[in-house]
Protein backbone atom coordinates (compact mmCIF):
# COMPACT_ATOMS: atom_id res chain seq x y z
CA UNK A 1 -13.46 10.26 9.07
CA UNK A 2 -10.97 8.06 8.96
CA UNK A 3 -12.02 5.10 11.43
CA UNK A 4 -15.27 5.30 9.10
CA UNK A 5 -13.45 4.51 6.03
CA UNK A 6 -11.29 2.02 7.62
CA UNK A 7 -14.28 0.31 8.81
CA UNK A 8 -16.19 0.52 5.35
CA UNK A 9 -12.88 -1.11 4.13
CA UNK A 10 -13.12 -3.73 6.95
CA UNK A 11 -16.59 -4.59 5.74
CA UNK A 12 -15.51 -4.70 2.07
CA UNK A 13 -12.41 -7.36 2.89
CA UNK A 14 -10.27 -5.60 0.11
CA UNK A 15 -6.83 -5.86 -0.19
CA UNK A 16 -5.43 -2.44 1.03
CA UNK A 17 -2.18 -1.31 1.58
CA UNK A 18 -1.65 0.78 4.71
CA UNK A 19 1.29 3.47 5.69
CA UNK A 20 2.35 3.81 9.60
CA UNK A 21 3.27 7.41 10.05
CA UNK A 22 5.56 6.49 13.22
CA UNK A 23 7.45 3.78 11.40
CA UNK A 24 7.70 5.33 8.48
CA UNK A 25 6.81 2.04 6.67
CA UNK A 26 3.93 -0.05 4.19
CA UNK A 27 2.00 -2.78 4.93
CA UNK A 28 1.61 -4.45 1.80
CA UNK A 29 -1.80 -6.18 0.41
CA UNK A 30 -3.33 -6.44 4.21
CA UNK A 31 -7.06 -7.14 4.88
CA UNK A 32 -8.49 -5.45 7.54
CA UNK A 33 -10.08 -7.72 9.82
CA UNK A 34 -11.64 -5.61 12.73
CA UNK A 35 -11.65 -2.36 14.54
CA UNK A 36 -12.33 -1.78 18.03
CA UNK A 37 -12.15 1.31 19.67
CA UNK A 38 -8.55 2.80 18.36
CA UNK A 39 -7.11 -0.71 17.09
CA UNK A 40 -7.25 -2.19 13.72
CA UNK A 41 -6.12 -5.20 13.33
CA UNK A 42 -4.70 -6.53 9.96
CA UNK A 43 -3.91 -9.42 8.48
CA UNK A 44 -0.70 -9.76 5.81
CA UNK A 45 2.00 -11.85 4.49
CA UNK A 46 5.82 -11.40 3.99
CA UNK A 47 8.46 -13.14 1.82
CA UNK A 48 11.82 -13.72 3.31
CA UNK A 49 14.48 -15.52 1.53
CA UNK A 50 11.95 -18.99 0.91
CA UNK A 51 9.34 -18.77 3.13
CA UNK A 52 6.08 -17.25 2.80
CA UNK A 53 5.20 -15.32 6.61
CA UNK A 54 1.78 -14.24 7.62
CA UNK A 55 1.09 -11.81 10.13
CA UNK A 56 -1.97 -10.62 12.07
CA UNK A 57 -1.12 -6.90 13.53
CA UNK A 58 -2.79 -4.70 15.42
CA UNK A 59 -2.19 -0.64 14.72
CA UNK A 60 -3.16 2.15 16.67
CA UNK A 61 -5.62 4.48 14.08
CA UNK A 62 -3.79 7.50 15.27
CA UNK A 63 -0.84 5.62 13.59
CA UNK A 64 -1.95 5.57 10.06
CA UNK A 65 -1.12 7.80 8.24
CA UNK A 66 -2.94 6.43 4.35
CA UNK A 67 -4.78 3.70 3.52
CA UNK A 68 -4.58 2.99 -0.63
CA UNK A 69 -6.61 0.17 -2.62
CA UNK A 70 -5.71 -0.98 -5.82
CA UNK A 71 -8.38 -0.31 -8.08
CA UNK A 72 -7.78 -2.36 -11.38
CA UNK A 73 -5.41 -4.18 -13.25
CA UNK A 74 -4.65 -4.46 -17.10
CA UNK A 75 -1.83 -5.71 -18.57
CA UNK A 76 0.62 -3.80 -20.67
CA UNK A 77 1.29 -4.54 -24.32
CA UNK A 78 -1.17 -5.43 -27.29
CA UNK A 79 -2.74 -8.42 -25.02
CA UNK A 80 -6.83 -8.68 -25.50
CA UNK A 81 -8.35 -8.31 -21.97
CA UNK A 82 -10.25 -10.67 -20.82
CA UNK A 83 -14.00 -10.33 -20.46
CA UNK A 84 -16.90 -12.23 -18.80
CA UNK A 85 -19.79 -13.38 -21.39
CA UNK A 86 -22.24 -11.47 -18.71
CA UNK A 87 -20.59 -8.71 -18.87
CA UNK A 88 -22.69 -5.52 -20.65
CA UNK A 89 -21.61 -4.67 -23.94
CA UNK A 90 -21.54 -0.55 -22.20
CA UNK A 91 -19.50 -1.84 -19.58
CA UNK A 92 -16.65 -3.52 -22.15
CA UNK A 93 -13.19 -1.89 -23.32
CA UNK A 94 -12.65 -1.46 -26.65
CA UNK A 95 -9.59 -1.37 -28.20
CA UNK A 96 -9.17 1.58 -30.80
CA UNK A 97 -6.34 2.16 -32.50
CA UNK A 98 -5.37 5.73 -34.07
CA UNK A 99 -5.49 4.85 -37.22
CA UNK A 100 -9.17 3.04 -37.28
CA UNK A 101 -12.12 5.31 -38.18
CA UNK A 102 -14.18 3.74 -35.00
């Protein structure tokens, strides 16, 4: 089942966070490039002092304990979110204040 889900994430090309059980560490904001047998190839970047390093790592499927992906990001505070002009009215986020009569 995990193999199938990772394959789906690979096809989607979205950023994921991967927890490696054997190393007890997270790989953050990685892209799954390929799955061949029980090897998963990922690419990610890290920041070290004054440089950004790009990594490509091959991970055994059995080492992966968890995979997460960010679904959405909404700024905190009283900021009006940006909405595309072609966003359907039914899918727009509305601000409801408790004192209003909406």
